[in-house]
Amino acid sequence: MRRTVMAAILTAMLLGTLPAADWPQWRGPKRDGHSGEVGVKDKLTAKGGPKLAWTFKDAGRGNATPSVVGDRVYVLGERKGKEYVIAIDAKAGKELWAAEMSPTWDEKGTTPFSFTVGPNCGPAVEGDRLYAVSSRGTLVCVDTAKGDVVWKKDLVGDPKDPKAVVTTSGGGEEVYGYGFSWSPLIDGDKLIITPGGKLGLFAALDKKTGKEIWRGTDVTEDATYASPVVAEIGGVRQYITGTQFGPVAVDAKTGKMLWFPKLEDEIGDMVCPTPIVMGDTVLFSSTKYGTSATKVEKVGDNFKTKAAYKLVKGLANSHGEIVLVDGHIYGAHEERDWKCVEAATGKVKWSTQDPTVGPILAVDGVLVMQPERGEEVVVAAADPAAFKELNRWKLPEASKQRKPSGRLWCPPIAAAGKLFVRDQELLFAYEIK
């Protein structure tokens, strides 16, 4: 079977007909920061970088990563005090429609964030439906053909007695923090969200109607900026996310807590990275904490966890996410440097301070690194032996709408034969096929 697939890929490469991959949700097809694009390394590493196909200049403010399905790009952005889902023609870079989600959390200036404003969630797309959450906590289901809102839910309700809460660890306003930023997860007929608060961190909704199926009432942590993932460990399907006290998992059928090796002390800053599941091990990273590997084992009807290791200073990722490639973790360490860590042992293999830190993408055997300060793109080898830069190019222009302390925090993605890089209202599309 493997030989047949490889033969088909090689034939397609020779004929120039390799299919373009989709990016239907936060962190890509498998929610792990890997693109499904193949045969694109040569263009990514060509001198001067790949050809710029188009620039879309009205994506609005925010750090929401686009999703790409077929010939459509979907991105969230803030325009004149309101947050929208925006559909763009992937070939021409032209706007097709914009669906309003909600007023932005910063609309009246009562919360003068100096770092960011606008939506940060990656929309989830399946068939003719798209799901996304605004910074104010408005969850929407949108028809992808015309941009009509199918259903909408205000997750918070009354802020004085909220039904959803974002942590204020690391700063932000009560209830809203720095804005709802987790990305919804489609799992079969369910839409999985992490509203947070006393009613439960996790919830499962009927994706067609938005009606609640269950709320995980025995995990009452506030929502962080991390997004949930789905995994099967010990034969049990479960949803996992990061909290201020480490990773936690609930049963996919009931929402009941399965395991939570809760830390004694709260992580004193924002928890943003999405956990990575490696077999029966969960990799969790956060600034002010480090990276840990937790082994999960089913014993009878219960689950037990064991800490494999914790790197206090080795790799503490803040906004940029981490990727796992061939048994090694690659990612940015706080505001300092990039690291490569052996996933099984926690051993640091290499580090580099150039380029500056930021988000990361794994595609076709290479790493696309987005320096948060440099307005450039860097391509490096996914090689644990040493940091090997393969290419670097400047972005055509810089955003004029960034907040005073804002940086390039939107992870790059590769889909539909293109590399997409966002700087607030600017969305650049590079030809990689």
Protein backbone atom coordinates (compact mmCIF):
# COMPACT_ATOMS: atom_id res chain seq x y z
CA MET A 1 0.00 0.00 0.00
CA ARG A 2 2.79 2.41 0.95
CA ARG A 3 4.64 1.70 -2.32
CA THR A 4 1.46 2.35 -4.30
CA VAL A 5 0.91 5.71 -2.60
CA MET A 6 4.57 6.74 -3.08
CA ALA A 7 4.42 5.72 -6.73
CA ALA A 8 1.31 7.85 -7.23
CA ILE A 9 3.01 10.83 -5.59
CA LEU A 10 6.15 10.45 -7.73
CA THR A 11 4.06 10.16 -10.90
CA ALA A 12 2.09 13.24 -9.96
CA MET A 13 5.31 15.15 -9.28
CA LEU A 14 6.67 14.25 -12.71
CA LEU A 15 3.44 15.34 -14.37
CA GLY A 16 3.16 18.48 -12.27
CA THR A 17 -0.28 17.46 -11.01
CA LEU A 18 0.20 17.14 -7.26
CA PRO A 19 -3.13 17.99 -5.62
CA ALA A 20 -3.31 21.05 -3.39
CA ALA A 21 -4.06 20.40 0.28
CA ASP A 22 -6.78 21.96 2.44
CA TRP A 23 -6.29 23.64 5.81
CA PRO A 24 -9.79 23.29 7.28
CA GLN A 25 -9.17 24.26 10.90
CA TRP A 26 -6.76 25.67 13.47
CA ARG A 27 -3.30 24.06 13.07
CA GLY A 28 -4.27 22.26 9.88
CA PRO A 29 -5.83 18.94 8.80
CA LYS A 30 -4.64 17.01 11.88
CA ARG A 31 -4.56 20.02 14.23
CA ASP A 32 -0.81 19.62 14.72
CA GLY A 33 0.78 22.46 12.73
CA HIS A 34 1.56 20.26 9.70
CA SER A 35 0.49 21.09 6.16
CA GLY A 36 -0.57 18.33 3.78
CA GLU A 37 1.21 20.03 0.86
CA VAL A 38 3.96 17.97 -0.80
CA GLY A 39 6.39 18.80 -3.58
CA VAL A 40 6.70 22.43 -2.47
CA LYS A 41 10.16 22.48 -0.87
CA ASP A 42 11.95 23.66 -4.02
CA LYS A 43 9.83 26.81 -4.32
CA LEU A 44 10.04 27.52 -0.60
CA THR A 45 13.82 27.36 -0.76
CA ALA A 46 14.30 29.10 -4.13
CA LYS A 47 16.46 32.24 -3.99
CA GLY A 48 14.37 35.27 -3.07
CA GLY A 49 11.45 33.09 -1.95
CA PRO A 50 8.36 31.96 -3.86
CA LYS A 51 6.44 34.28 -6.18
CA LEU A 52 3.86 36.53 -4.53
CA ALA A 53 0.49 35.61 -6.05
CA TRP A 54 -1.56 38.34 -4.40
CA THR A 55 -1.99 40.56 -1.35
CA PHE A 56 -5.39 41.04 0.28
CA LYS A 57 -5.36 44.33 2.17
CA ASP A 58 -8.65 44.32 4.08
CA ALA A 59 -8.47 41.28 6.37
CA GLY A 60 -8.98 43.59 9.35
CA ARG A 61 -7.21 43.60 12.68
CA GLY A 62 -6.59 40.40 14.61
CA ASN A 63 -4.31 37.38 14.72
CA ALA A 64 -6.74 34.76 13.46
CA THR A 65 -5.11 32.11 11.27
CA PRO A 66 -6.93 31.57 7.96
CA SER A 67 -8.60 28.31 7.01
CA VAL A 68 -8.51 27.16 3.39
CA VAL A 69 -10.88 24.68 1.76
CA GLY A 70 -10.96 24.19 -1.99
CA ASP A 71 -10.69 27.56 -3.70
CA ARG A 72 -11.78 29.57 -0.65
CA VAL A 73 -9.78 31.28 2.08
CA TYR A 74 -11.65 32.10 5.29
CA VAL A 75 -10.20 34.59 7.75
CA LEU A 76 -11.53 36.49 10.79
CA GLY A 77 -10.88 40.19 11.19
CA GLU A 78 -12.01 43.40 12.89
CA ARG A 79 -13.26 46.27 10.75
CA LYS A 80 -14.47 49.54 12.28
CA GLY A 81 -15.51 48.06 15.61
CA LYS A 82 -17.09 44.84 14.34
CA GLU A 83 -15.66 41.36 13.82
CA TYR A 84 -16.28 39.42 10.63
CA VAL A 85 -15.71 36.10 8.91
CA ILE A 86 -14.32 37.03 5.49
CA ALA A 87 -14.29 34.72 2.47
CA ILE A 88 -11.61 35.30 -0.19
CA ASP A 89 -11.10 33.72 -3.61
CA ALA A 90 -7.88 31.71 -3.16
CA LYS A 91 -6.86 32.12 -6.80
CA ALA A 92 -7.54 35.82 -7.31
CA GLY A 93 -7.31 37.21 -3.77
CA LYS A 94 -10.71 38.94 -4.07
CA GLU A 95 -13.31 39.20 -1.30
CA LEU A 96 -16.42 37.10 -1.84
CA TRP A 97 -18.43 37.94 1.27
CA ALA A 98 -18.14 39.07 4.90
CA ALA A 99 -20.38 37.75 7.69
CA GLU A 100 -20.66 39.80 10.88
CA MET A 101 -20.02 37.94 14.13
CA SER A 102 -20.20 40.59 16.86
CA PRO A 103 -18.93 43.98 17.99
CA THR A 104 -15.27 43.70 18.90
CA TRP A 105 -14.26 43.45 22.55
CA ASP A 106 -12.26 46.68 22.22
CA GLU A 107 -14.95 48.67 20.46
CA LYS A 108 -15.40 51.53 22.97
CA GLY A 109 -11.80 51.80 24.02
CA THR A 110 -12.66 50.77 27.58
CA THR A 111 -10.05 48.03 27.26
CA PRO A 112 -7.07 49.76 25.64
CA PHE A 113 -5.01 46.66 24.83
CA SER A 114 -1.60 47.68 23.53
CA PHE A 115 -0.81 44.29 22.01
CA THR A 116 -3.81 43.19 19.97
CA VAL A 117 -7.48 43.68 19.23
CA GLY A 118 -9.89 41.65 17.15
CA PRO A 119 -10.50 37.92 16.69
CA ASN A 120 -7.79 35.29 17.22
CA CYS A 121 -9.65 32.03 16.55
CA GLY A 122 -9.02 29.82 13.53
CA PRO A 123 -12.36 28.99 11.86
CA ALA A 124 -13.35 25.32 11.45
CA VAL A 125 -14.81 24.43 8.05
CA GLU A 126 -16.70 21.31 7.00
CA GLY A 127 -18.80 21.03 3.88
CA ASP A 128 -21.03 24.09 3.55
CA ARG A 129 -20.63 25.20 7.17
CA LEU A 130 -18.02 27.27 9.01
CA TYR A 131 -17.71 27.72 12.80
CA ALA A 132 -15.85 30.51 14.56
CA VAL A 133 -15.77 32.49 17.81
CA SER A 134 -15.30 36.24 18.19
CA SER A 135 -13.14 37.89 20.84
CA ARG A 136 -16.35 38.78 22.72
CA GLY A 137 -17.36 35.13 22.90
CA THR A 138 -19.95 35.02 20.13
CA LEU A 139 -19.98 31.62 18.42
CA VAL A 140 -21.30 31.58 14.86
CA CYS A 141 -22.17 29.00 12.25
CA VAL A 142 -21.95 30.46 8.74
CA ASP A 143 -23.04 29.11 5.36
CA THR A 144 -19.87 29.05 3.25
CA ALA A 145 -21.63 29.61 -0.07
CA LYS A 146 -23.16 33.03 0.61
CA GLY A 147 -21.94 34.01 4.07
CA ASP A 148 -25.36 33.78 5.72
CA VAL A 149 -25.31 33.23 9.50
CA VAL A 150 -27.09 29.92 10.17
CA TRP A 151 -27.03 30.20 13.96
CA LYS A 152 -25.32 32.32 16.58
CA LYS A 153 -24.70 31.89 20.33
CA ASP A 154 -23.59 34.45 22.91
CA LEU A 155 -21.49 32.20 25.13
CA VAL A 156 -21.00 34.71 27.97
CA GLY A 157 -24.55 35.98 28.46
CA ASP A 158 -24.68 38.32 31.45
CA PRO A 159 -21.08 39.36 32.31
CA LYS A 160 -22.15 39.70 35.96
CA ASP A 161 -23.09 36.01 36.01
CA PRO A 162 -21.16 34.66 33.01
CA LYS A 163 -21.69 31.29 31.37
CA ALA A 164 -18.21 31.46 29.84
CA VAL A 165 -14.99 32.92 31.27
CA VAL A 166 -11.47 33.54 29.97
CA THR A 167 -8.69 33.45 32.55
CA THR A 168 -7.12 36.72 33.65
CA SER A 169 -3.86 35.03 34.57
CA GLY A 170 -1.33 37.07 32.65
CA GLY A 171 -3.67 40.07 32.48
CA GLY A 172 -6.81 41.22 30.74
CA GLU A 173 -10.35 42.11 31.82
CA GLU A 174 -12.57 40.00 34.04
CA VAL A 175 -14.64 37.43 32.10
CA TYR A 176 -13.07 38.30 28.71
CA GLY A 177 -9.34 38.26 29.49
CA TYR A 178 -7.66 39.40 26.28
CA GLY A 179 -10.56 38.02 24.27
CA PHE A 180 -11.85 34.50 23.55
CA SER A 181 -9.15 32.96 21.38
CA TRP A 182 -9.57 29.17 21.36
CA SER A 183 -10.63 27.57 18.07
CA PRO A 184 -13.67 25.25 17.83
CA LEU A 185 -13.20 21.59 16.93
CA ILE A 186 -15.53 19.56 14.68
CA ASP A 187 -15.83 15.92 15.73
CA GLY A 188 -18.50 13.97 13.88
CA ASP A 189 -21.89 15.52 14.64
CA LYS A 190 -20.45 17.54 17.53
CA LEU A 191 -18.81 20.94 17.75
CA ILE A 192 -16.39 20.99 20.69
CA ILE A 193 -15.76 24.31 22.42
CA THR A 194 -14.04 25.42 25.64
CA PRO A 195 -16.14 28.28 27.08
CA GLY A 196 -14.65 27.89 30.57
CA GLY A 197 -15.91 28.94 33.99
CA LYS A 198 -17.98 27.49 36.79
CA LEU A 199 -20.38 25.74 34.41
CA GLY A 200 -17.56 23.75 32.88
CA LEU A 201 -14.50 24.24 30.71
CA PHE A 202 -15.63 21.90 27.90
CA ALA A 203 -18.94 21.76 26.03
CA ALA A 204 -20.24 19.75 23.10
CA LEU A 205 -22.83 21.25 20.78
CA ASP A 206 -24.94 19.86 17.96
CA LYS A 207 -23.08 21.36 15.01
CA LYS A 208 -26.28 21.71 12.96
CA THR A 209 -28.28 23.66 15.53
CA GLY A 210 -25.85 24.88 18.19
CA LYS A 211 -27.89 23.10 20.87
CA GLU A 212 -25.85 21.91 23.85
CA ILE A 213 -25.32 18.13 24.05
CA TRP A 214 -23.28 18.17 27.25
CA ARG A 215 -21.22 20.51 29.43
CA GLY A 216 -18.27 19.02 31.33
CA THR A 217 -19.24 20.20 34.80
CA ASP A 218 -16.44 18.47 36.73
CA VAL A 219 -13.70 20.55 35.04
CA THR A 220 -14.44 24.14 36.01
CA GLU A 221 -11.21 25.87 34.97
CA ASP A 222 -11.43 29.17 33.12
CA ALA A 223 -10.73 29.04 29.40
CA THR A 224 -7.17 29.74 28.32
CA TYR A 225 -5.97 30.75 24.87
CA ALA A 226 -5.23 27.12 23.97
CA SER A 227 -7.49 25.09 21.68
CA PRO A 228 -8.82 21.55 22.23
CA VAL A 229 -7.63 18.48 20.34
CA VAL A 230 -9.20 15.04 19.97
CA ALA A 231 -7.30 11.81 20.66
CA GLU A 232 -7.86 8.15 21.43
CA ILE A 233 -5.83 6.90 24.38
CA GLY A 234 -6.44 3.52 26.00
CA GLY A 235 -9.28 2.92 23.55
CA VAL A 236 -11.20 5.96 24.82
CA ARG A 237 -11.93 8.96 22.62
CA GLN A 238 -11.19 12.16 24.52
CA TYR A 239 -10.78 15.92 24.22
CA ILE A 240 -7.63 17.52 25.59
CA THR A 241 -6.70 21.13 26.16
CA GLY A 242 -4.34 23.27 28.21
CA THR A 243 -5.29 25.05 31.43
CA GLN A 244 -3.46 27.30 33.89
CA PHE A 245 -2.77 24.09 35.84
CA GLY A 246 -1.58 21.92 32.94
CA PRO A 247 -3.30 19.63 30.42
CA VAL A 248 -6.69 18.04 31.10
CA ALA A 249 -8.87 15.50 29.26
CA VAL A 250 -12.58 14.69 29.22
CA ASP A 251 -14.57 11.80 27.78
CA ALA A 252 -15.82 12.57 24.27
CA LYS A 253 -19.22 10.94 24.92
CA THR A 254 -20.06 12.47 28.28
CA GLY A 255 -17.70 15.34 29.06
CA LYS A 256 -16.62 13.62 32.29
CA MET A 257 -13.05 14.26 33.39
CA LEU A 258 -10.69 11.39 32.52
CA TRP A 259 -7.39 12.73 33.83
CA PHE A 260 -5.95 15.98 35.17
CA PRO A 261 -2.51 15.88 36.85
CA LYS A 262 -3.19 19.31 38.27
CA LEU A 263 -0.20 21.48 39.11
CA GLU A 264 0.09 22.79 42.66
CA ASP A 265 0.82 26.31 41.44
CA GLU A 266 -0.99 28.12 38.67
CA ILE A 267 1.00 29.05 35.56
CA GLY A 268 1.36 32.78 36.03
CA ASP A 269 0.97 33.89 32.43
CA MET A 270 -1.09 33.19 29.33
CA VAL A 271 -1.38 29.55 28.22
CA CYS A 272 -1.62 29.58 24.41
CA PRO A 273 -0.10 26.48 22.73
CA THR A 274 -2.35 23.61 21.74
CA PRO A 275 -1.26 20.27 23.28
CA ILE A 276 0.27 17.64 20.98
CA VAL A 277 -0.62 13.96 21.39
CA MET A 278 2.20 11.50 20.67
CA GLY A 279 0.75 8.02 21.13
CA ASP A 280 0.01 7.74 24.85
CA THR A 281 2.01 10.86 25.68
CA VAL A 282 0.71 14.43 25.78
CA LEU A 283 3.17 17.25 25.11
CA PHE A 284 2.26 20.53 26.78
CA SER A 285 4.11 23.84 26.60
CA SER A 286 3.58 27.33 27.99
CA THR A 287 5.53 30.43 28.83
CA LYS A 288 6.52 30.69 32.53
CA TYR A 289 6.27 26.89 32.66
CA GLY A 290 8.30 25.07 30.01
CA THR A 291 7.46 21.91 28.10
CA SER A 292 6.30 18.69 29.72
CA ALA A 293 5.56 15.17 28.54
CA THR A 294 2.77 13.33 30.38
CA LYS A 295 2.27 9.60 29.86
CA VAL A 296 -1.38 8.56 30.05
CA GLU A 297 -2.39 4.97 30.87
CA LYS A 298 -5.79 3.33 31.22
CA VAL A 299 -5.94 1.06 34.27
CA GLY A 300 -9.28 -0.70 34.56
CA ASP A 301 -11.96 1.93 34.17
CA ASN A 302 -9.70 4.82 35.16
CA PHE A 303 -6.73 6.71 33.79
CA LYS A 304 -3.38 7.29 35.44
CA THR A 305 -0.77 9.82 34.44
CA LYS A 306 2.96 9.94 34.95
CA ALA A 307 5.31 12.83 34.24
CA ALA A 308 7.93 11.70 31.74
CA TYR A 309 9.87 14.97 32.02
CA LYS A 310 9.53 18.72 32.38
CA LEU A 311 11.86 21.27 30.82
CA VAL A 312 11.74 24.38 32.96
CA LYS A 313 14.13 26.43 30.84
CA GLY A 314 14.42 24.32 27.72
CA LEU A 315 11.30 25.30 25.76
CA ALA A 316 8.64 27.59 27.22
CA ASN A 317 6.45 28.52 24.26
CA SER A 318 4.22 31.58 24.40
CA HIS A 319 2.20 32.45 21.26
CA GLY A 320 3.97 30.67 18.43
CA GLU A 321 2.95 27.02 18.93
CA ILE A 322 5.23 23.98 18.65
CA VAL A 323 5.44 21.24 16.01
CA LEU A 324 6.49 17.60 16.29
CA VAL A 325 8.53 16.26 13.36
CA ASP A 326 10.09 12.79 13.37
CA GLY A 327 10.25 12.56 17.15
CA HIS A 328 11.54 16.09 17.72
CA ILE A 329 9.79 19.22 18.94
CA TYR A 330 10.55 22.54 17.25
CA GLY A 331 9.39 25.89 18.59
CA ALA A 332 10.19 29.26 20.09
CA HIS A 333 11.36 29.58 23.68
CA GLU A 334 9.68 32.63 25.26
CA GLU A 335 11.23 35.85 23.88
CA ARG A 336 14.70 34.33 23.55
CA ASP A 337 15.43 31.70 20.92
CA TRP A 338 14.30 28.74 18.83
CA LYS A 339 14.76 25.22 20.18
CA CYS A 340 14.81 21.66 18.97
CA VAL A 341 13.98 19.14 21.69
CA GLU A 342 14.00 15.34 21.55
CA ALA A 343 10.37 14.49 22.31
CA ALA A 344 11.01 11.17 24.05
CA THR A 345 13.62 12.47 26.51
CA GLY A 346 13.32 16.26 26.68
CA LYS A 347 16.95 16.68 25.64
CA VAL A 348 17.65 20.02 23.94
CA LYS A 349 19.36 19.33 20.62
CA TRP A 350 20.03 22.90 19.46
CA SER A 351 19.00 26.54 19.88
CA THR A 352 19.38 29.73 17.84
CA GLN A 353 18.58 33.40 18.39
CA ASP A 354 18.37 34.22 14.69
CA PRO A 355 15.69 34.54 13.44
CA THR A 356 13.73 36.14 16.25
CA VAL A 357 11.03 34.00 17.87
CA GLY A 358 7.49 33.56 16.55
CA PRO A 359 5.01 31.05 15.08
CA ILE A 360 6.02 27.97 13.09
CA LEU A 361 4.71 25.65 10.35
CA ALA A 362 5.87 22.18 9.26
CA VAL A 363 5.49 21.44 5.53
CA ASP A 364 7.14 19.04 3.10
CA GLY A 365 10.07 18.29 5.40
CA VAL A 366 10.94 21.89 6.24
CA LEU A 367 10.00 24.47 8.87
CA VAL A 368 8.50 27.83 7.93
CA MET A 369 9.33 30.23 10.76
CA GLN A 370 7.60 33.58 11.14
CA PRO A 371 9.74 36.04 13.13
CA GLU A 372 7.34 38.12 15.21
CA ARG A 373 9.43 41.28 14.80
CA GLY A 374 11.13 41.02 11.44
CA GLU A 375 8.45 41.26 8.70
CA GLU A 376 10.16 38.34 7.00
CA VAL A 377 9.80 34.62 6.43
CA VAL A 378 12.52 32.08 7.24
CA VAL A 379 12.66 28.49 5.97
CA ALA A 380 14.81 25.98 7.85
CA ALA A 381 15.48 22.26 7.73
CA ALA A 382 13.59 20.04 10.16
CA ASP A 383 16.91 18.63 11.29
CA PRO A 384 17.70 17.76 14.93
CA ALA A 385 21.45 17.76 14.26
CA ALA A 386 21.70 21.56 13.91
CA PHE A 387 19.79 24.66 12.89
CA LYS A 388 20.10 24.94 9.11
CA GLU A 389 18.59 27.99 7.44
CA LEU A 390 17.51 27.29 3.87
CA ASN A 391 15.93 30.57 2.82
CA ARG A 392 14.80 33.99 3.99
CA TRP A 393 12.80 36.78 2.35
CA LYS A 394 11.17 40.06 3.33
CA LEU A 395 7.41 40.60 3.28
CA PRO A 396 6.32 43.22 0.69
CA GLU A 397 4.97 45.63 3.31
CA ALA A 398 4.08 45.95 6.99
CA SER A 399 0.68 46.48 8.62
CA LYS A 400 -0.37 50.00 9.49
CA GLN A 401 -3.07 48.73 11.86
CA ARG A 402 -1.00 46.85 14.41
CA LYS A 403 -1.39 47.91 18.04
CA PRO A 404 1.65 49.76 19.48
CA SER A 405 3.08 46.59 21.05
CA GLY A 406 1.67 44.23 18.44
CA ARG A 407 3.81 41.73 16.52
CA LEU A 408 3.38 39.09 13.83
CA TRP A 409 1.74 36.33 15.87
CA CYS A 410 -0.42 34.68 13.22
CA PRO A 411 1.09 31.29 12.25
CA PRO A 412 1.80 30.86 8.51
CA ILE A 413 -0.12 28.11 6.71
CA ALA A 414 0.35 26.17 3.47
CA ALA A 415 -2.74 25.12 1.52
CA ALA A 416 -4.30 25.31 -1.96
CA GLY A 417 -0.81 25.40 -3.46
CA LYS A 418 0.05 28.59 -1.60
CA LEU A 419 1.83 29.82 1.51
CA PHE A 420 -0.28 32.32 3.44
CA VAL A 421 1.30 34.85 5.78
CA ARG A 422 -0.76 37.38 7.72
CA ASP A 423 0.16 40.74 9.25
CA GLN A 424 -3.13 42.10 10.63
CA GLU A 425 -5.10 43.54 7.67
CA LEU A 426 -2.53 42.24 5.17
CA LEU A 427 -2.77 38.66 3.91
CA PHE A 428 0.02 37.58 1.55
CA ALA A 429 -0.36 34.54 -0.72
CA TYR A 430 2.80 32.99 -2.22
CA GLU A 431 2.78 30.43 -5.03
CA ILE A 432 4.45 27.21 -3.87
CA LYS A 433 3.18 24.90 -6.64
